[in-house]
Amino acid sequence: MKVHLPVAKEVRDLLSDLLGKSVSIEPAAPLAPGPKRPATIGVYVDDSLRIAALICFDLPLSAYAGAAIGLVPPKTAEDAVAQGTLPEVLRENLHEVLNIAVGLFNSTPGADHLRLHAMHPAGEPTPRDVLVHALTLGRRTDMRVDVPNYGAGVISVVQTF
């Protein structure tokens, strides 16, 4: 099994194109989702439905990316961060971001074809097996992303094997 782990430039280019803004990216400490640090987790599977990769957005980046792609006012995203959960419109928009982000894994010739299987929104319980994968150190890329006019947060791309 071969899964492509995208580099920071690929993530920056994808988010800049999707959000219509020149996002900036810098290295960050690994994102450790949990009750004190809610995160949205996109679960990507291969053709055998094995979990192959995750993309995790912390709550602030979940809100800012979900708002920016839908041209939702920044105040809505700020309110979501303050409340610790995403309103439905931001969830739907972030699902679209995660769905398109599968291209990060499928852009390399010879890599396994992945697809978005599930999204677990920030502020809701995350299945234990998904959370364990998200907390795995090793083959992962962790970045701080600043979305102009919205705010910054952390994204982690995790290869599960």
C-alpha atoms as a PDB file:
ATOM      1  CA  MET A   1       0.000   0.000   0.000  1.00  0.00           C
ATOM      2  CA  LYS A   2       1.352   3.380  -0.966  1.00  0.00           C
ATOM      3  CA  VAL A   3      -0.180   6.621   0.314  1.00  0.00           C
ATOM      4  CA  HIS A   4       1.193  10.000  -0.678  1.00  0.00           C
ATOM      5  CA  LEU A   5       1.851  12.308   2.289  1.00  0.00           C
ATOM      6  CA  PRO A   6       1.529  15.856   0.910  1.00  0.00           C
ATOM      7  CA  VAL A   7       4.158  18.471   1.664  1.00  0.00           C
ATOM      8  CA  ALA A   8       3.392  21.955   3.005  1.00  0.00           C
ATOM      9  CA  LYS A   9       3.474  23.606  -0.445  1.00  0.00           C
ATOM     10  CA  GLU A  10       0.812  21.228  -1.769  1.00  0.00           C
ATOM     11  CA  VAL A  11      -1.430  22.010   1.217  1.00  0.00           C
ATOM     12  CA  ARG A  12      -0.842  25.761   0.872  1.00  0.00           C
ATOM     13  CA  ASP A  13      -1.605  25.717  -2.856  1.00  0.00           C
ATOM     14  CA  LEU A  14      -4.776  23.680  -2.384  1.00  0.00           C
ATOM     15  CA  LEU A  15      -6.114  25.877   0.420  1.00  0.00           C
ATOM     16  CA  SER A  16      -5.190  29.097  -1.404  1.00  0.00           C
ATOM     17  CA  ASP A  17      -7.050  27.920  -4.511  1.00  0.00           C
ATOM     18  CA  LEU A  18     -10.086  26.680  -2.576  1.00  0.00           C
ATOM     19  CA  LEU A  19     -10.436  29.672  -0.284  1.00  0.00           C
ATOM     20  CA  GLY A  20      -9.567  32.251  -2.931  1.00  0.00           C
ATOM     21  CA  LYS A  21      -6.977  33.749  -0.616  1.00  0.00           C
ATOM     22  CA  SER A  22      -3.216  33.488  -0.395  1.00  0.00           C
ATOM     23  CA  VAL A  23      -2.946  31.519   2.843  1.00  0.00           C
ATOM     24  CA  SER A  24       0.358  31.344   4.664  1.00  0.00           C
ATOM     25  CA  ILE A  25       1.705  28.176   6.223  1.00  0.00           C
ATOM     26  CA  GLU A  26       4.413  27.496   8.749  1.00  0.00           C
ATOM     27  CA  PRO A  27       5.414  24.364  10.676  1.00  0.00           C
ATOM     28  CA  ALA A  28       3.460  23.653  13.860  1.00  0.00           C
ATOM     29  CA  ALA A  29       3.514  21.221  16.757  1.00  0.00           C
ATOM     30  CA  PRO A  30       1.431  18.092  16.162  1.00  0.00           C
ATOM     31  CA  LEU A  31      -2.300  18.670  16.618  1.00  0.00           C
ATOM     32  CA  ALA A  32      -3.624  16.481  19.431  1.00  0.00           C
ATOM     33  CA  PRO A  33      -7.425  16.501  19.185  1.00  0.00           C
ATOM     34  CA  GLY A  34      -9.363  15.800  22.358  1.00  0.00           C
ATOM     35  CA  PRO A  35     -12.012  17.276  24.640  1.00  0.00           C
ATOM     36  CA  LYS A  36      -9.843  20.287  25.431  1.00  0.00           C
ATOM     37  CA  ARG A  37      -8.784  20.794  21.817  1.00  0.00           C
ATOM     38  CA  PRO A  38     -11.703  19.990  19.501  1.00  0.00           C
ATOM     39  CA  ALA A  39     -10.913  19.294  15.873  1.00  0.00           C
ATOM     40  CA  THR A  40     -12.665  18.332  12.678  1.00  0.00           C
ATOM     41  CA  ILE A  41     -11.299  15.092  11.284  1.00  0.00           C
ATOM     42  CA  GLY A  42     -11.708  13.936   7.694  1.00  0.00           C
ATOM     43  CA  VAL A  43     -11.251  10.175   7.310  1.00  0.00           C
ATOM     44  CA  TYR A  44      -9.891   8.916   3.990  1.00  0.00           C
ATOM     45  CA  VAL A  45     -10.114   5.257   2.992  1.00  0.00           C
ATOM     46  CA  ASP A  46      -8.713   3.093   0.210  1.00  0.00           C
ATOM     47  CA  ASP A  47     -10.733   0.783  -2.030  1.00  0.00           C
ATOM     48  CA  SER A  48     -10.801  -1.845   0.756  1.00  0.00           C
ATOM     49  CA  LEU A  49     -12.289   0.729   3.176  1.00  0.00           C
ATOM     50  CA  ARG A  50      -9.131   0.726   5.310  1.00  0.00           C
ATOM     51  CA  ILE A  51      -8.410   4.064   6.951  1.00  0.00           C
ATOM     52  CA  ALA A  52      -5.376   5.313   5.037  1.00  0.00           C
ATOM     53  CA  ALA A  53      -5.125   8.965   6.029  1.00  0.00           C
ATOM     54  CA  LEU A  54      -6.692  11.752   8.047  1.00  0.00           C
ATOM     55  CA  ILE A  55      -6.856  15.494   7.682  1.00  0.00           C
ATOM     56  CA  CYS A  56      -7.475  17.283  10.963  1.00  0.00           C
ATOM     57  CA  PHE A  57      -8.407  20.958  11.341  1.00  0.00           C
ATOM     58  CA  ASP A  58      -8.409  22.408  14.853  1.00  0.00           C
ATOM     59  CA  LEU A  59     -11.582  24.286  15.794  1.00  0.00           C
ATOM     60  CA  PRO A  60     -10.334  27.737  14.742  1.00  0.00           C
ATOM     61  CA  LEU A  61      -9.142  26.555  11.318  1.00  0.00           C
ATOM     62  CA  SER A  62     -12.340  24.508  10.897  1.00  0.00           C
ATOM     63  CA  ALA A  63     -14.362  27.679  11.402  1.00  0.00           C
ATOM     64  CA  TYR A  64     -12.135  29.981   9.341  1.00  0.00           C
ATOM     65  CA  ALA A  65     -11.782  27.615   6.375  1.00  0.00           C
ATOM     66  CA  GLY A  66     -15.493  26.762   6.459  1.00  0.00           C
ATOM     67  CA  ALA A  67     -16.370  30.452   6.468  1.00  0.00           C
ATOM     68  CA  ALA A  68     -13.821  31.584   3.892  1.00  0.00           C
ATOM     69  CA  ILE A  69     -14.826  29.055   1.216  1.00  0.00           C
ATOM     70  CA  GLY A  70     -18.479  30.101   1.527  1.00  0.00           C
ATOM     71  CA  LEU A  71     -17.800  33.840   1.895  1.00  0.00           C
ATOM     72  CA  VAL A  72     -19.461  33.690   5.321  1.00  0.00           C
ATOM     73  CA  PRO A  73     -18.615  36.739   7.463  1.00  0.00           C
ATOM     74  CA  PRO A  74     -15.620  36.271   9.799  1.00  0.00           C
ATOM     75  CA  LYS A  75     -17.850  37.090  12.787  1.00  0.00           C
ATOM     76  CA  THR A  76     -19.745  33.815  12.245  1.00  0.00           C
ATOM     77  CA  ALA A  77     -16.457  31.907  12.403  1.00  0.00           C
ATOM     78  CA  GLU A  78     -15.347  33.818  15.500  1.00  0.00           C
ATOM     79  CA  ASP A  79     -18.665  33.021  17.201  1.00  0.00           C
ATOM     80  CA  ALA A  80     -18.220  29.320  16.339  1.00  0.00           C
ATOM     81  CA  VAL A  81     -14.757  29.294  17.926  1.00  0.00           C
ATOM     82  CA  ALA A  82     -16.113  31.011  21.041  1.00  0.00           C
ATOM     83  CA  GLN A  83     -18.974  28.488  21.309  1.00  0.00           C
ATOM     84  CA  GLY A  84     -16.725  25.492  20.663  1.00  0.00           C
ATOM     85  CA  THR A  85     -18.793  24.038  17.843  1.00  0.00           C
ATOM     86  CA  LEU A  86     -19.484  24.609  14.154  1.00  0.00           C
ATOM     87  CA  PRO A  87     -22.872  25.759  12.852  1.00  0.00           C
ATOM     88  CA  GLU A  88     -24.335  23.668  10.040  1.00  0.00           C
ATOM     89  CA  VAL A  89     -23.289  26.055   7.263  1.00  0.00           C
ATOM     90  CA  LEU A  90     -19.633  25.897   8.320  1.00  0.00           C
ATOM     91  CA  ARG A  91     -19.807  22.101   8.636  1.00  0.00           C
ATOM     92  CA  GLU A  92     -21.154  21.742   5.127  1.00  0.00           C
ATOM     93  CA  ASN A  93     -18.531  24.100   3.737  1.00  0.00           C
ATOM     94  CA  LEU A  94     -15.708  22.312   5.556  1.00  0.00           C
ATOM     95  CA  HIS A  95     -16.969  18.968   4.269  1.00  0.00           C
ATOM     96  CA  GLU A  96     -16.529  20.359   0.766  1.00  0.00           C
ATOM     97  CA  VAL A  97     -12.958  21.447   1.610  1.00  0.00           C
ATOM     98  CA  LEU A  98     -12.158  17.961   2.933  1.00  0.00           C
ATOM     99  CA  ASN A  99     -13.791  16.309  -0.067  1.00  0.00           C
ATOM    100  CA  ILE A 100     -11.685  18.315  -2.521  1.00  0.00           C
ATOM    101  CA  ALA A 101      -8.572  17.825  -0.367  1.00  0.00           C
ATOM    102  CA  VAL A 102      -8.546  14.151  -1.352  1.00  0.00           C
ATOM    103  CA  GLY A 103      -6.625  15.409  -4.371  1.00  0.00           C
ATOM    104  CA  LEU A 104      -3.630  15.835  -2.052  1.00  0.00           C
ATOM    105  CA  PHE A 105      -3.414  12.047  -1.799  1.00  0.00           C
ATOM    106  CA  ASN A 106      -4.466  11.119  -5.321  1.00  0.00           C
ATOM    107  CA  SER A 107      -2.159  13.471  -7.244  1.00  0.00           C
ATOM    108  CA  THR A 108       0.886  11.198  -7.180  1.00  0.00           C
ATOM    109  CA  PRO A 109       1.173   8.496  -9.861  1.00  0.00           C
ATOM    110  CA  GLY A 110       1.286   5.031  -8.330  1.00  0.00           C
ATOM    111  CA  ALA A 111      -0.258   6.089  -5.019  1.00  0.00           C
ATOM    112  CA  ASP A 112      -3.358   4.305  -3.791  1.00  0.00           C
ATOM    113  CA  HIS A 113      -6.643   5.983  -4.693  1.00  0.00           C
ATOM    114  CA  LEU A 114      -8.301   7.394  -1.581  1.00  0.00           C
ATOM    115  CA  ARG A 115     -11.701   8.914  -0.971  1.00  0.00           C
ATOM    116  CA  LEU A 116     -13.316  10.871   1.848  1.00  0.00           C
ATOM    117  CA  HIS A 117     -15.268   8.357   3.925  1.00  0.00           C
ATOM    118  CA  ALA A 118     -16.421  10.455   6.881  1.00  0.00           C
ATOM    119  CA  MET A 119     -16.096  13.817   8.567  1.00  0.00           C
ATOM    120  CA  HIS A 120     -16.253  14.180  12.352  1.00  0.00           C
ATOM    121  CA  PRO A 121     -16.942  17.864  13.103  1.00  0.00           C
ATOM    122  CA  ALA A 122     -15.238  19.763  15.905  1.00  0.00           C
ATOM    123  CA  GLY A 123     -17.400  19.903  18.989  1.00  0.00           C
ATOM    124  CA  GLU A 124     -18.897  16.426  18.501  1.00  0.00           C
ATOM    125  CA  PRO A 125     -17.612  13.069  19.776  1.00  0.00           C
ATOM    126  CA  THR A 126     -14.962  11.423  17.596  1.00  0.00           C
ATOM    127  CA  PRO A 127     -14.842   7.616  17.315  1.00  0.00           C
ATOM    128  CA  ARG A 128     -12.005   6.228  19.419  1.00  0.00           C
ATOM    129  CA  ASP A 129     -10.240   4.459  16.531  1.00  0.00           C
ATOM    130  CA  VAL A 130     -10.185   7.681  14.507  1.00  0.00           C
ATOM    131  CA  LEU A 131      -8.902   9.642  17.488  1.00  0.00           C
ATOM    132  CA  VAL A 132      -6.091   7.107  18.035  1.00  0.00           C
ATOM    133  CA  HIS A 133      -4.998   7.527  14.409  1.00  0.00           C
ATOM    134  CA  ALA A 134      -5.112  11.325  14.779  1.00  0.00           C
ATOM    135  CA  LEU A 135      -2.820  11.147  17.793  1.00  0.00           C
ATOM    136  CA  THR A 136      -0.248   8.967  16.034  1.00  0.00           C
ATOM    137  CA  LEU A 137       3.189  10.458  15.635  1.00  0.00           C
ATOM    138  CA  GLY A 138       5.345   9.589  12.675  1.00  0.00           C
ATOM    139  CA  ARG A 139       4.161   9.987   9.107  1.00  0.00           C
ATOM    140  CA  ARG A 140       2.340  13.287   9.397  1.00  0.00           C
ATOM    141  CA  THR A 141       2.603  16.932   8.445  1.00  0.00           C
ATOM    142  CA  ASP A 142       1.499  19.600  10.942  1.00  0.00           C
ATOM    143  CA  MET A 143       1.127  23.194   9.855  1.00  0.00           C
ATOM    144  CA  ARG A 144      -0.217  26.485  11.149  1.00  0.00           C
ATOM    145  CA  VAL A 145      -2.397  28.081   8.468  1.00  0.00           C
ATOM    146  CA  ASP A 146      -3.322  31.767   8.406  1.00  0.00           C
ATOM    147  CA  VAL A 147      -6.418  32.574   6.344  1.00  0.00           C
ATOM    148  CA  PRO A 148      -6.334  36.317   5.501  1.00  0.00           C
ATOM    149  CA  ASN A 149      -9.248  38.315   6.970  1.00  0.00           C
ATOM    150  CA  TYR A 150     -10.353  35.319   9.072  1.00  0.00           C
ATOM    151  CA  GLY A 151      -7.661  33.894  11.341  1.00  0.00           C
ATOM    152  CA  ALA A 152      -5.202  31.100  11.936  1.00  0.00           C
ATOM    153  CA  GLY A 153      -5.314  27.515  13.105  1.00  0.00           C
ATOM    154  CA  VAL A 154      -3.598  24.164  12.764  1.00  0.00           C
ATOM    155  CA  ILE A 155      -4.002  21.455  10.144  1.00  0.00           C
ATOM    156  CA  SER A 156      -2.521  17.983  10.410  1.00  0.00           C
ATOM    157  CA  VAL A 157      -2.283  15.478   7.599  1.00  0.00           C
ATOM    158  CA  VAL A 158      -1.740  11.997   9.013  1.00  0.00           C
ATOM    159  CA  GLN A 159      -0.871   8.815   7.157  1.00  0.00           C
ATOM    160  CA  THR A 160      -2.209   5.909   9.185  1.00  0.00           C
ATOM    161  CA  PHE A 161       0.182   3.167   7.996  1.00  0.00           C
END
